[in-house]
Amino acid sequence: MAEKYLTPEQDEKIRQWERWNRNYFIFAFVALTIILVFSSQLGLSSGESWGPLGVLIAALITPIIVLQLRLACPACGHRIGWQAKLMAPDQCKACGTFLRSRGQ
């Protein structure tokens, strides 16, 4: 059976998702660090209630979940986001397509 690879256009869609995912993760990590370190000085935490701090943390984490849910194999459309971390998986478990162009 021949190995299946993505077309250059399909590969570009996966690389674009990886860039968005990586860049947002870095932004969210830095923002969460700043927020957690300075939450009491910013008036976001009273020590007993999460209040605005909890809402802010949820607002920063929600896009990560959305990005994971949106990732689908360009070859078969199967959702592969939960197979991914910061980068797309090497191969789609549903159709067996390697998630890169031939020769990469």
Protein backbone atom coordinates (compact mmCIF):
# COMPACT_ATOMS: atom_id res chain seq x y z
CA MET A 1 0.00 0.00 0.00
CA ALA A 2 1.39 3.40 -0.99
CA GLU A 3 2.11 5.95 1.69
CA LYS A 4 -0.20 8.96 1.56
CA TYR A 5 1.06 12.50 2.05
CA LEU A 6 -0.60 15.91 2.01
CA THR A 7 -0.62 18.18 -1.00
CA PRO A 8 1.40 21.40 -0.58
CA GLU A 9 -1.88 23.32 -0.04
CA GLN A 10 -3.05 20.89 2.64
CA ASP A 11 0.39 21.01 4.27
CA GLU A 12 0.20 24.81 4.41
CA LYS A 13 -3.13 24.59 6.29
CA ILE A 14 -1.53 22.34 8.94
CA ARG A 15 1.54 24.62 9.24
CA GLN A 16 -0.75 27.66 9.61
CA TRP A 17 -2.63 25.92 12.44
CA GLU A 18 0.70 25.07 14.11
CA ARG A 19 1.84 28.72 13.90
CA TRP A 20 -1.44 30.02 15.37
CA ASN A 21 -1.41 27.37 18.09
CA ARG A 22 2.24 27.97 19.05
CA ASN A 23 1.93 31.77 19.00
CA TYR A 24 -1.26 31.79 21.06
CA PHE A 25 0.20 29.31 23.55
CA ILE A 26 3.23 31.56 24.07
CA PHE A 27 0.99 34.62 24.48
CA ALA A 28 -1.31 32.82 26.94
CA PHE A 29 1.61 31.44 28.95
CA VAL A 30 3.21 34.87 29.32
CA ALA A 31 -0.15 36.52 30.09
CA LEU A 32 -1.07 33.87 32.70
CA THR A 33 2.34 34.20 34.34
CA ILE A 34 2.01 37.98 34.57
CA ILE A 35 -1.58 37.77 35.79
CA LEU A 36 -0.82 35.17 38.46
CA VAL A 37 2.31 36.95 39.69
CA PHE A 38 0.68 40.37 39.85
CA SER A 39 -2.97 39.39 40.54
CA SER A 40 -3.05 40.84 44.05
CA GLN A 41 -1.44 44.12 42.92
CA LEU A 42 -3.88 44.35 40.01
CA GLY A 43 -6.84 43.83 42.35
CA LEU A 44 -7.88 40.60 40.59
CA SER A 45 -7.64 38.33 43.60
CA SER A 46 -8.94 38.85 47.11
CA GLY A 47 -7.32 35.67 48.45
CA GLU A 48 -10.63 33.88 49.05
CA SER A 49 -12.47 34.33 45.75
CA TRP A 50 -11.33 33.77 42.17
CA GLY A 51 -13.75 36.45 40.92
CA PRO A 52 -12.31 38.38 37.97
CA LEU A 53 -9.11 36.31 38.07
CA GLY A 54 -11.04 33.12 37.30
CA VAL A 55 -12.86 34.78 34.40
CA LEU A 56 -9.58 36.08 32.99
CA ILE A 57 -7.90 32.67 33.24
CA ALA A 58 -10.90 31.00 31.55
CA ALA A 59 -10.80 33.64 28.79
CA LEU A 60 -7.13 32.87 28.14
CA ILE A 61 -7.56 29.08 28.15
CA THR A 62 -10.73 28.83 26.03
CA PRO A 63 -9.01 29.69 22.71
CA ILE A 64 -6.52 26.84 23.29
CA ILE A 65 -9.44 24.40 23.48
CA VAL A 66 -11.06 25.95 20.39
CA LEU A 67 -7.80 25.65 18.41
CA GLN A 68 -7.53 21.97 19.35
CA LEU A 69 -11.14 21.30 18.35
CA ARG A 70 -10.72 23.00 14.96
CA LEU A 71 -7.76 20.91 13.76
CA ALA A 72 -8.86 18.30 11.24
CA CYS A 73 -6.93 16.09 8.85
CA PRO A 74 -6.94 17.92 5.49
CA ALA A 75 -7.10 14.57 3.66
CA CYS A 76 -10.14 12.98 5.37
CA GLY A 77 -11.60 15.66 7.66
CA HIS A 78 -11.22 13.55 10.84
CA ARG A 79 -10.72 15.70 13.95
CA ILE A 80 -7.11 15.25 15.08
CA GLY A 81 -6.74 18.14 17.53
CA TRP A 82 -6.58 15.99 20.64
CA GLN A 83 -3.75 13.96 19.06
CA ALA A 84 -1.80 17.22 18.79
CA LYS A 85 0.14 19.15 21.37
CA LEU A 86 1.76 22.33 20.07
CA MET A 87 2.38 20.69 16.71
CA ALA A 88 0.16 18.53 14.53
CA PRO A 89 0.65 14.76 14.89
CA ASP A 90 2.87 12.97 12.37
CA GLN A 91 0.05 10.86 10.94
CA CYS A 92 -3.75 10.82 10.94
CA LYS A 93 -4.98 7.78 12.89
CA ALA A 94 -8.18 7.63 10.81
CA CYS A 95 -6.85 7.55 7.23
CA GLY A 96 -3.11 6.96 7.73
CA THR A 97 -2.04 10.06 5.79
CA PHE A 98 1.28 11.54 6.85
CA LEU A 99 0.57 15.12 7.88
CA ARG A 100 3.30 16.71 5.81
CA SER A 101 4.09 17.07 2.12
CA ARG A 102 6.16 14.39 0.42
CA GLY A 103 9.85 15.19 0.78
CA GLN A 104 9.65 17.16 4.05
